[in-house]
Amino acid sequence: MASDVFAPPVFDRLVALLSGAKARFRVIEHEAEGKSEAISVIRGNRPDQAAKAMVLDVRGGGGGRRHVLAILPGSRKLDFAAVATLFEARKCGFASPETAQELTGCVMGAVPPFALDPALAVVVDEDLLTNETLFFNAGRLDRSMELDTRDWLALAKPRIARIASRA
C-alpha cells in the first residue's frame, strides 16, 4: 500500500518500475509546481501531452464504493458523469485530499498516472493516447517524467474510455 511507512518514496518506486521494464523515459527536474497549465510551460510540453491524474470516489450502483485514478490530458476537464456511467455508479466526485494522499502516497498535483495501490482502478481518456510521449509529475512537485505512451499503456494497464469533457 502507498501509505506503508516502509515503502520507498513514489518517485523511487516509479524509477525502479520503469527501469525494470526497460521503459523509454526521462526525468525532468524543475521548480515545484502542481498545476497542469503552469507545469506544462515549465517542462516545455503541450498541455494535451500532460497526463493529469485525479483520484475519484465512485459510489452507488452495483459496484458499491471504490476509488478510481482518472488520467486525462492536462488541457481538459473531467466528465464526472462519464466516469460514473463507466463504473456503473450513481455518483462520482473527487476523493478527499486525505484519501487521495493515502492511496497514492503523493500530495495533490504530484500524483503520477500509475496506481501503485491495488485499491485504485485506472481509467484514461482515449484522446491522451494520441501522443507519442506523456509528461507527468512523478510523485514529487519538483520532478516530472516524459514516458513513451506505449510503455505507459503496457505498465499501467488502464481502462480506455472518453472521460474528458469535449468543451
Protein backbone atom coordinates (compact mmCIF):
# COMPACT_ATOMS: atom_id res chain seq x y z
CA MET A 1 0.00 0.00 0.00
CA ALA A 2 1.22 3.50 -0.83
CA SER A 3 0.82 4.68 2.76
CA ASP A 4 3.11 1.94 4.12
CA VAL A 5 5.77 3.71 6.20
CA PHE A 6 8.37 1.22 4.93
CA ALA A 7 7.60 1.79 1.24
CA PRO A 8 10.17 3.85 -0.70
CA PRO A 9 9.03 7.26 -1.97
CA VAL A 10 6.76 7.19 -5.03
CA PHE A 11 9.43 8.78 -7.24
CA ASP A 12 11.90 5.99 -6.40
CA ARG A 13 9.23 3.32 -6.96
CA LEU A 14 8.43 4.80 -10.40
CA VAL A 15 12.08 4.92 -11.46
CA ALA A 16 12.51 1.29 -10.37
CA LEU A 17 9.32 0.19 -12.16
CA LEU A 18 10.20 1.96 -15.42
CA SER A 19 13.86 0.95 -15.35
CA GLY A 20 12.97 -2.66 -14.60
CA ALA A 21 10.58 -2.71 -17.55
CA LYS A 22 13.17 -1.06 -19.82
CA ALA A 23 10.64 1.72 -20.50
CA ARG A 24 11.69 4.74 -22.53
CA PHE A 25 11.56 7.66 -20.08
CA ARG A 26 13.50 10.63 -18.81
CA VAL A 27 13.40 12.53 -15.53
CA ILE A 28 12.92 16.29 -15.62
CA GLU A 29 13.97 18.33 -12.57
CA HIS A 30 12.23 21.69 -12.15
CA GLU A 31 10.84 24.14 -9.64
CA ALA A 32 7.97 22.78 -7.53
CA GLU A 33 4.65 23.12 -9.35
CA GLY A 34 1.44 21.11 -9.29
CA LYS A 35 -0.89 22.95 -11.67
CA SER A 36 -1.21 21.38 -15.13
CA GLU A 37 -1.06 24.60 -17.13
CA ALA A 38 1.94 26.02 -15.25
CA ILE A 39 3.96 22.82 -15.21
CA SER A 40 3.48 22.31 -18.95
CA VAL A 41 5.08 25.71 -19.56
CA ILE A 42 7.98 24.88 -17.23
CA ARG A 43 8.57 21.46 -18.86
CA GLY A 44 8.06 22.77 -22.40
CA ASN A 45 5.32 20.31 -23.35
CA ARG A 46 1.90 20.96 -24.84
CA PRO A 47 -0.87 20.80 -22.18
CA ASP A 48 -2.57 17.98 -24.11
CA GLN A 49 0.61 15.86 -23.62
CA ALA A 50 0.37 16.18 -19.82
CA ALA A 51 -1.16 13.17 -18.09
CA LYS A 52 -3.27 14.79 -15.37
CA ALA A 53 -4.10 12.24 -12.65
CA MET A 54 -7.06 12.62 -10.29
CA VAL A 55 -8.27 10.32 -7.53
CA LEU A 56 -12.03 9.88 -7.66
CA ASP A 57 -14.63 8.41 -5.37
CA VAL A 58 -17.36 6.49 -7.25
CA ARG A 59 -20.40 5.24 -5.32
CA GLY A 60 -23.68 3.52 -5.75
CA GLY A 61 -24.89 1.17 -8.38
CA GLY A 62 -23.70 -2.43 -8.49
CA GLY A 63 -20.09 -1.82 -7.51
CA GLY A 64 -20.55 -0.14 -4.14
CA ARG A 65 -17.94 2.47 -3.27
CA ARG A 66 -14.50 2.41 -4.86
CA HIS A 67 -11.66 4.68 -5.92
CA VAL A 68 -10.55 5.42 -9.45
CA LEU A 69 -7.41 7.08 -10.78
CA ALA A 70 -8.62 9.09 -13.79
CA ILE A 71 -5.96 10.17 -16.30
CA LEU A 72 -6.74 12.85 -18.87
CA PRO A 73 -4.99 15.47 -20.97
CA GLY A 74 -3.83 18.42 -18.87
CA SER A 75 -5.80 20.78 -21.11
CA ARG A 76 -9.14 19.06 -20.44
CA LYS A 77 -11.73 18.84 -17.66
CA LEU A 78 -13.08 15.61 -16.24
CA ASP A 79 -16.57 14.45 -17.22
CA PHE A 80 -17.76 13.06 -13.86
CA ALA A 81 -20.94 11.64 -15.38
CA ALA A 82 -18.94 9.65 -17.95
CA VAL A 83 -16.83 8.09 -15.18
CA ALA A 84 -19.94 7.26 -13.12
CA THR A 85 -21.53 5.59 -16.15
CA LEU A 86 -18.34 3.68 -16.99
CA PHE A 87 -18.15 2.22 -13.48
CA GLU A 88 -21.94 1.69 -13.22
CA ALA A 89 -22.11 4.11 -10.29
CA ARG A 90 -24.72 6.64 -9.29
CA LYS A 91 -22.23 9.31 -8.20
CA CYS A 92 -18.68 10.31 -8.95
CA GLY A 93 -16.64 13.04 -7.28
CA PHE A 94 -13.15 13.86 -6.13
CA ALA A 95 -11.80 11.75 -3.29
CA SER A 96 -10.88 13.77 -0.22
CA PRO A 97 -7.29 15.08 -0.24
CA GLU A 98 -6.54 12.77 2.71
CA THR A 99 -7.87 9.70 0.89
CA ALA A 100 -6.07 10.64 -2.32
CA GLN A 101 -2.78 11.05 -0.46
CA GLU A 102 -3.26 7.76 1.41
CA LEU A 103 -3.93 5.86 -1.84
CA THR A 104 -1.18 7.48 -3.90
CA GLY A 105 1.49 8.43 -1.37
CA CYS A 106 1.56 11.88 -3.01
CA VAL A 107 0.35 15.38 -2.37
CA MET A 108 -2.23 16.71 -4.82
CA GLY A 109 -0.56 17.86 -8.03
CA ALA A 110 2.24 15.28 -7.76
CA VAL A 111 0.16 12.15 -8.47
CA PRO A 112 1.61 10.12 -11.36
CA PRO A 113 -0.58 8.18 -13.82
CA PHE A 114 0.15 4.86 -12.09
CA ALA A 115 -1.91 3.05 -9.46
CA LEU A 116 0.74 1.88 -7.02
CA ASP A 117 -2.10 0.83 -4.68
CA PRO A 118 -4.27 -2.09 -5.88
CA ALA A 119 -7.35 -0.32 -4.47
CA LEU A 120 -7.17 2.15 -7.38
CA ALA A 121 -8.68 1.29 -10.76
CA VAL A 122 -7.07 3.26 -13.63
CA VAL A 123 -9.00 4.81 -16.50
CA VAL A 124 -7.54 7.05 -19.20
CA ASP A 125 -9.21 9.37 -21.67
CA GLU A 126 -8.57 7.99 -25.15
CA ASP A 127 -7.50 11.39 -26.51
CA LEU A 128 -4.40 11.39 -24.29
CA LEU A 129 -3.19 8.28 -26.12
CA THR A 130 -2.73 10.16 -29.42
CA ASN A 131 0.58 11.47 -28.03
CA GLU A 132 3.84 9.59 -28.65
CA THR A 133 5.03 10.52 -25.16
CA LEU A 134 3.32 11.62 -21.95
CA PHE A 135 4.55 14.12 -19.37
CA PHE A 136 3.57 13.92 -15.70
CA ASN A 137 4.60 14.84 -12.18
CA ALA A 138 6.39 11.83 -10.76
CA GLY A 139 5.36 11.65 -7.13
CA ARG A 140 7.01 14.98 -6.32
CA LEU A 141 6.14 18.54 -7.26
CA ASP A 142 9.75 19.15 -8.39
CA ARG A 143 10.21 16.05 -10.55
CA SER A 144 8.46 15.12 -13.77
CA MET A 145 8.90 12.39 -16.31
CA GLU A 146 8.47 12.06 -20.03
CA LEU A 147 7.44 8.49 -20.87
CA ASP A 148 6.72 6.65 -24.10
CA THR A 149 2.92 6.26 -24.31
CA ARG A 150 3.12 2.60 -25.39
CA ASP A 151 5.32 1.81 -22.40
CA TRP A 152 2.86 3.58 -20.10
CA LEU A 153 -0.05 1.56 -21.54
CA ALA A 154 1.84 -1.72 -21.07
CA LEU A 155 2.70 -0.94 -17.44
CA ALA A 156 -0.38 0.95 -16.21
CA LYS A 157 -2.91 -1.30 -18.00
CA PRO A 158 -5.65 1.34 -17.87
CA ARG A 159 -9.24 1.06 -18.96
CA ILE A 160 -9.62 3.32 -22.04
CA ALA A 161 -12.72 5.49 -22.40
CA ARG A 162 -13.97 9.00 -23.08
CA ILE A 163 -13.81 10.66 -19.65
CA ALA A 164 -12.80 14.23 -20.54
CA SER A 165 -15.28 16.91 -21.48
CA ARG A 166 -15.34 17.86 -25.14
CA ALA A 167 -15.74 21.59 -24.47
